[in-house]
Protein backbone atom coordinates (compact mmCIF):
# COMPACT_ATOMS: atom_id res chain seq x y z
CA MET A 1 0.26 0.25 0.13
CA ALA A 2 1.17 3.35 -0.93
CA LEU A 3 1.68 6.09 1.88
CA GLU A 4 -0.26 8.58 0.30
CA ASP A 5 -3.14 5.48 -0.02
CA LYS A 6 -3.44 5.57 4.09
CA PRO A 7 -5.30 9.00 4.41
CA ARG A 8 -7.67 8.09 1.44
CA ARG A 9 -8.51 4.74 3.44
CA ALA A 10 -8.74 6.43 6.82
CA ALA A 11 -11.55 8.50 5.91
CA GLU A 12 -13.15 6.24 3.16
CA ALA A 13 -13.46 4.19 6.86
CA ALA A 14 -14.74 6.93 8.46
CA SER A 15 -17.77 7.38 5.77
CA ASP A 16 -18.25 4.56 6.11
CA ASN A 17 -18.88 4.51 9.86
CA GLU A 18 -21.28 7.01 9.74
CA HIS A 19 -23.39 5.61 7.93
CA CYS A 20 -22.69 1.79 10.11
CA PRO A 21 -25.65 0.91 12.36
CA VAL A 22 -23.08 -0.51 14.79
CA ALA A 23 -21.17 2.29 15.15
CA LEU A 24 -24.42 4.90 15.44
CA THR A 25 -25.33 2.91 18.24
CA ALA A 26 -22.29 2.44 20.07
CA ARG A 27 -21.81 6.33 19.31
CA LEU A 28 -25.61 6.61 21.20
CA ILE A 29 -24.93 3.98 24.02
CA GLY A 30 -21.23 3.44 24.55
CA ASP A 31 -20.81 5.28 27.76
CA PRO A 32 -20.83 2.86 30.38
CA TYR A 33 -22.96 5.33 33.01
CA ILE A 34 -25.67 6.00 30.34
CA LEU A 35 -25.73 1.73 29.62
CA LEU A 36 -25.62 1.98 33.81
CA ILE A 37 -28.47 4.25 33.46
CA LEU A 38 -30.65 2.97 30.99
CA ARG A 39 -30.68 -0.42 32.86
CA ASP A 40 -31.71 1.28 35.85
CA LEU A 41 -34.41 3.36 34.55
CA ALA A 42 -35.70 -0.74 32.76
CA ASN A 43 -37.81 -0.64 35.84
CA GLY A 44 -39.60 2.70 35.23
CA THR A 45 -39.07 6.08 36.28
CA LEU A 46 -36.23 7.05 38.47
CA ARG A 47 -35.35 10.58 40.66
CA PHE A 48 -32.26 12.07 40.53
CA GLY A 49 -31.16 11.24 43.48
CA SER A 50 -32.00 7.34 43.26
CA LEU A 51 -30.15 7.29 39.73
CA SER A 52 -26.88 8.55 41.45
CA ASP A 53 -26.64 6.20 44.20
CA SER A 54 -27.00 3.22 42.17
CA VAL A 55 -24.89 4.36 38.90
CA SER A 56 -22.42 5.04 41.90
CA VAL A 57 -21.19 8.85 40.09
CA ASN A 58 -20.77 12.54 40.35
CA PRO A 59 -23.75 14.45 40.39
CA ARG A 60 -21.94 16.44 37.52
CA THR A 61 -21.25 13.08 35.60
CA LEU A 62 -24.79 12.02 36.01
CA THR A 63 -26.27 15.47 35.08
CA ALA A 64 -24.10 15.21 31.78
CA ARG A 65 -25.17 12.34 30.83
CA LEU A 66 -29.12 12.64 31.30
CA ARG A 67 -28.93 15.67 29.55
CA ARG A 68 -26.77 13.89 26.51
CA MET A 69 -29.68 10.88 26.68
CA GLU A 70 -32.53 13.47 26.74
CA GLN A 71 -31.36 15.20 23.33
CA ASP A 72 -30.74 11.93 22.06
CA GLY A 73 -34.37 10.94 22.66
CA LEU A 74 -33.98 8.42 25.44
CA VAL A 75 -35.12 9.81 28.40
CA VAL A 76 -37.59 12.57 29.24
CA ARG A 77 -36.90 14.86 32.48
CA HIS A 78 -40.01 15.36 34.12
CA MET A 79 -39.53 18.96 36.82
CA PHE A 80 -42.25 19.39 39.58
CA ALA A 81 -42.85 22.94 41.14
CA GLU A 82 -41.84 21.36 44.39
CA ILE A 83 -39.66 23.06 47.00
CA PRO A 84 -37.16 21.04 47.10
CA PRO A 85 -37.17 20.39 43.46
CA ARG A 86 -38.02 17.15 42.26
CA VAL A 87 -36.58 16.13 38.85
CA GLU A 88 -37.36 12.45 37.43
CA TYR A 89 -36.09 10.75 34.14
CA THR A 90 -37.78 7.91 32.66
CA LEU A 91 -36.87 5.90 29.16
CA THR A 92 -38.76 6.66 26.21
CA ASP A 93 -39.83 4.09 23.35
CA LYS A 94 -36.70 4.85 21.57
CA GLY A 95 -34.64 4.44 25.22
CA ARG A 96 -37.10 1.20 26.39
CA ALA A 97 -35.62 0.02 22.09
CA LEU A 98 -32.52 -0.26 23.76
CA LEU A 99 -33.34 -2.48 26.65
CA PRO A 100 -32.89 -5.52 24.61
CA VAL A 101 -29.07 -4.30 24.30
CA VAL A 102 -28.31 -3.97 28.27
CA GLU A 103 -30.51 -7.12 28.58
CA ALA A 104 -27.52 -9.05 25.89
CA LEU A 105 -24.67 -7.17 27.66
CA ARG A 106 -26.04 -8.58 31.49
CA ALA A 107 -26.46 -12.04 29.98
CA TYR A 108 -22.77 -12.01 28.33
CA GLY A 109 -21.80 -10.46 31.80
CA ASP A 110 -23.43 -13.64 33.71
CA ALA A 111 -21.97 -16.12 31.03
CA TRP A 112 -18.18 -15.27 30.92
CA LEU A 113 -17.38 -12.20 33.47
CA VAL A 114 -19.10 -13.17 36.86
CA ALA A 115 -17.68 -15.32 38.65
CA PRO A 116 -19.74 -18.04 40.18
CA VAL A 117 -21.16 -17.98 43.62
């Protein structure tokens, strides 16, 4: 392969990834915290504090991931006009459609990564 062909091949591969369903989905849920948030919201609506405890992440990181998930259409944020403020998160249809992926990761982890008790 000629040296000048390498940049062209890299550009072609990047272009292919822009249309590849696997690459697009990996970009959407490739962050470990997003997968954990999806896991926890699978059982229903949760408050911010419950998610923070369950995911074990600092509030700033959780806020950033939840905002990203909201922008991507995976969760809906419900804010209640109460004191103290109450905020709850729920999966959208698009978010719920990812639950089989989360379940496949759980099954893989159970089969290959978790030590038998």
